[in-house]
Amino acid sequence: MVEHERFYREGLAASSQAARKGCCFIATCVFGEAWQTQVLRQFRDVALRPNVWGRRLVWSYYRLAPGICKCLRRWPALQAPVRVVLGAIAACLRWWPGLGGGGKCRR
């Protein structure tokens, strides 16, 4: 429980720091609040956060993503290939059993 509470506080701190800087995260930057963004967030919460290695990955992502978003805003031509890659990942993750899809594609 102590580890979960610490991770929760770190996530809040990272989110508020990103909000203060006016940064966004990559999926939100390229998709907005589309289904792809929701699937990726759900994967983060369900599959990554419960594990130590997943929390480390999420922490690293929180550190790197704002800079990547700045690059994507500066060079909009880069958004299309990022959108394709993240869209493919999100489409695959829709079938992840832990996300409530049960192996079925949700539309």
C-alpha atoms as a PDB file:
ATOM      1  CA  MET A   1       0.000   0.000   0.000  1.00  0.00           C
ATOM      2  CA  VAL A   2       2.851   2.377   0.785  1.00  0.00           C
ATOM      3  CA  GLU A   3       4.342   1.792  -2.683  1.00  0.00           C
ATOM      4  CA  HIS A   4       0.974   2.428  -4.352  1.00  0.00           C
ATOM      5  CA  GLU A   5       0.482   5.643  -2.396  1.00  0.00           C
ATOM      6  CA  ARG A   6       3.982   6.855  -3.322  1.00  0.00           C
ATOM      7  CA  PHE A   7       3.376   6.093  -7.012  1.00  0.00           C
ATOM      8  CA  TYR A   8       0.013   7.845  -6.895  1.00  0.00           C
ATOM      9  CA  ARG A   9       1.652  10.974  -5.429  1.00  0.00           C
ATOM     10  CA  GLU A  10       4.416  10.847  -8.060  1.00  0.00           C
ATOM     11  CA  GLY A  11       1.800  10.613 -10.832  1.00  0.00           C
ATOM     12  CA  LEU A  12      -0.087  13.597  -9.450  1.00  0.00           C
ATOM     13  CA  ALA A  13       3.133  15.601  -9.202  1.00  0.00           C
ATOM     14  CA  ALA A  14       4.139  14.727 -12.770  1.00  0.00           C
ATOM     15  CA  SER A  15       0.674  15.581 -14.091  1.00  0.00           C
ATOM     16  CA  SER A  16       0.510  18.908 -12.294  1.00  0.00           C
ATOM     17  CA  GLN A  17       4.050  19.774 -13.400  1.00  0.00           C
ATOM     18  CA  ALA A  18       3.119  19.040 -17.021  1.00  0.00           C
ATOM     19  CA  ALA A  19      -0.047  21.108 -16.670  1.00  0.00           C
ATOM     20  CA  ARG A  20       1.918  24.044 -15.244  1.00  0.00           C
ATOM     21  CA  LYS A  21       4.325  23.921 -18.162  1.00  0.00           C
ATOM     22  CA  GLY A  22       1.442  23.744 -20.656  1.00  0.00           C
ATOM     23  CA  CYS A  23       2.678  20.384 -21.949  1.00  0.00           C
ATOM     24  CA  CYS A  24       0.533  17.551 -23.143  1.00  0.00           C
ATOM     25  CA  PHE A  25       1.151  13.879 -23.522  1.00  0.00           C
ATOM     26  CA  ILE A  26       1.801  12.241 -26.845  1.00  0.00           C
ATOM     27  CA  ALA A  27      -1.522  10.478 -27.518  1.00  0.00           C
ATOM     28  CA  THR A  28      -3.461  13.574 -26.490  1.00  0.00           C
ATOM     29  CA  CYS A  29      -1.166  15.681 -28.647  1.00  0.00           C
ATOM     30  CA  VAL A  30      -1.815  13.653 -31.821  1.00  0.00           C
ATOM     31  CA  PHE A  31      -5.358  12.287 -31.219  1.00  0.00           C
ATOM     32  CA  GLY A  32      -6.986  14.619 -28.720  1.00  0.00           C
ATOM     33  CA  GLU A  33      -9.498  12.802 -26.510  1.00  0.00           C
ATOM     34  CA  ALA A  34     -10.174  10.035 -29.045  1.00  0.00           C
ATOM     35  CA  TRP A  35     -10.663   6.330 -28.316  1.00  0.00           C
ATOM     36  CA  GLN A  36      -6.942   5.719 -28.924  1.00  0.00           C
ATOM     37  CA  THR A  37      -6.039   8.005 -26.038  1.00  0.00           C
ATOM     38  CA  GLN A  38      -8.551   6.298 -23.770  1.00  0.00           C
ATOM     39  CA  VAL A  39      -7.241   2.807 -24.634  1.00  0.00           C
ATOM     40  CA  LEU A  40      -3.633   3.839 -23.990  1.00  0.00           C
ATOM     41  CA  ARG A  41      -4.572   5.415 -20.645  1.00  0.00           C
ATOM     42  CA  GLN A  42      -6.505   2.317 -19.652  1.00  0.00           C
ATOM     43  CA  PHE A  43      -3.539   0.104 -20.571  1.00  0.00           C
ATOM     44  CA  ARG A  44      -1.292   2.305 -18.444  1.00  0.00           C
ATOM     45  CA  ASP A  45      -3.622   2.017 -15.460  1.00  0.00           C
ATOM     46  CA  VAL A  46      -4.486  -1.687 -15.775  1.00  0.00           C
ATOM     47  CA  ALA A  47      -1.314  -3.295 -17.100  1.00  0.00           C
ATOM     48  CA  LEU A  48       1.590  -0.984 -16.269  1.00  0.00           C
ATOM     49  CA  ARG A  49       0.874   0.672 -12.932  1.00  0.00           C
ATOM     50  CA  PRO A  50       0.388  -2.546 -10.920  1.00  0.00           C
ATOM     51  CA  ASN A  51       3.985  -3.649 -11.671  1.00  0.00           C
ATOM     52  CA  VAL A  52       7.262  -2.108 -10.501  1.00  0.00           C
ATOM     53  CA  TRP A  53       8.729  -2.202 -14.017  1.00  0.00           C
ATOM     54  CA  GLY A  54       5.509  -0.711 -15.399  1.00  0.00           C
ATOM     55  CA  ARG A  55       5.603   2.151 -12.904  1.00  0.00           C
ATOM     56  CA  ARG A  56       9.189   2.843 -13.895  1.00  0.00           C
ATOM     57  CA  LEU A  57       8.187   2.863 -17.547  1.00  0.00           C
ATOM     58  CA  VAL A  58       5.308   5.251 -16.824  1.00  0.00           C
ATOM     59  CA  TRP A  59       7.597   7.497 -14.759  1.00  0.00           C
ATOM     60  CA  SER A  60      10.113   7.597 -17.632  1.00  0.00           C
ATOM     61  CA  TYR A  61       7.317   8.375 -20.062  1.00  0.00           C
ATOM     62  CA  TYR A  62       6.117  11.259 -17.877  1.00  0.00           C
ATOM     63  CA  ARG A  63       9.637  12.677 -17.947  1.00  0.00           C
ATOM     64  CA  LEU A  64      10.086  12.354 -21.748  1.00  0.00           C
ATOM     65  CA  ALA A  65       6.618  12.982 -23.159  1.00  0.00           C
ATOM     66  CA  PRO A  66       6.385  16.759 -22.642  1.00  0.00           C
ATOM     67  CA  GLY A  67       9.566  17.293 -24.684  1.00  0.00           C
ATOM     68  CA  ILE A  68       8.307  14.993 -27.415  1.00  0.00           C
ATOM     69  CA  CYS A  69       5.024  16.908 -27.511  1.00  0.00           C
ATOM     70  CA  LYS A  70       6.928  20.169 -27.935  1.00  0.00           C
ATOM     71  CA  CYS A  71       8.721  18.665 -30.946  1.00  0.00           C
ATOM     72  CA  LEU A  72       5.434  17.429 -32.395  1.00  0.00           C
ATOM     73  CA  ARG A  73       3.908  20.887 -32.061  1.00  0.00           C
ATOM     74  CA  ARG A  74       6.991  22.514 -33.572  1.00  0.00           C
ATOM     75  CA  TRP A  75       7.101  20.085 -36.550  1.00  0.00           C
ATOM     76  CA  PRO A  76       3.498  19.041 -37.285  1.00  0.00           C
ATOM     77  CA  ALA A  77       4.625  16.787 -40.156  1.00  0.00           C
ATOM     78  CA  LEU A  78       5.928  14.370 -37.505  1.00  0.00           C
ATOM     79  CA  GLN A  79       2.442  13.941 -36.060  1.00  0.00           C
ATOM     80  CA  ALA A  80       1.198  11.743 -38.922  1.00  0.00           C
ATOM     81  CA  PRO A  81       3.750   8.930 -38.473  1.00  0.00           C
ATOM     82  CA  VAL A  82       3.385   9.096 -34.678  1.00  0.00           C
ATOM     83  CA  ARG A  83      -0.395   8.899 -35.117  1.00  0.00           C
ATOM     84  CA  VAL A  84      -0.017   5.798 -37.323  1.00  0.00           C
ATOM     85  CA  VAL A  85       2.259   4.013 -34.843  1.00  0.00           C
ATOM     86  CA  LEU A  86       0.234   4.898 -31.743  1.00  0.00           C
ATOM     87  CA  GLY A  87      -3.002   4.104 -33.571  1.00  0.00           C
ATOM     88  CA  ALA A  88      -1.716   0.621 -34.432  1.00  0.00           C
ATOM     89  CA  ILE A  89      -0.617   0.054 -30.841  1.00  0.00           C
ATOM     90  CA  ALA A  90      -3.982   1.251 -29.513  1.00  0.00           C
ATOM     91  CA  ALA A  91      -5.851  -0.962 -31.996  1.00  0.00           C
ATOM     92  CA  CYS A  92      -3.912  -3.991 -30.758  1.00  0.00           C
ATOM     93  CA  LEU A  93      -4.417  -3.035 -27.117  1.00  0.00           C
ATOM     94  CA  ARG A  94      -8.187  -2.899 -27.605  1.00  0.00           C
ATOM     95  CA  TRP A  95      -8.020  -6.689 -27.568  1.00  0.00           C
ATOM     96  CA  TRP A  96      -5.940  -6.875 -24.381  1.00  0.00           C
ATOM     97  CA  PRO A  97      -7.968  -9.135 -22.066  1.00  0.00           C
ATOM     98  CA  GLY A  98      -7.375  -6.980 -18.982  1.00  0.00           C
ATOM     99  CA  LEU A  99      -8.938  -3.929 -20.618  1.00  0.00           C
ATOM    100  CA  GLY A 100     -12.414  -5.382 -20.658  1.00  0.00           C
ATOM    101  CA  GLY A 101     -12.391  -6.235 -24.359  1.00  0.00           C
ATOM    102  CA  GLY A 102     -12.271  -9.951 -23.620  1.00  0.00           C
ATOM    103  CA  GLY A 103     -10.414 -10.541 -26.859  1.00  0.00           C
ATOM    104  CA  LYS A 104     -13.127  -8.840 -28.880  1.00  0.00           C
ATOM    105  CA  CYS A 105     -12.674  -5.643 -30.807  1.00  0.00           C
ATOM    106  CA  ARG A 106     -14.707  -2.806 -29.291  1.00  0.00           C
ATOM    107  CA  ARG A 107     -15.968  -0.037 -31.511  1.00  0.00           C
END
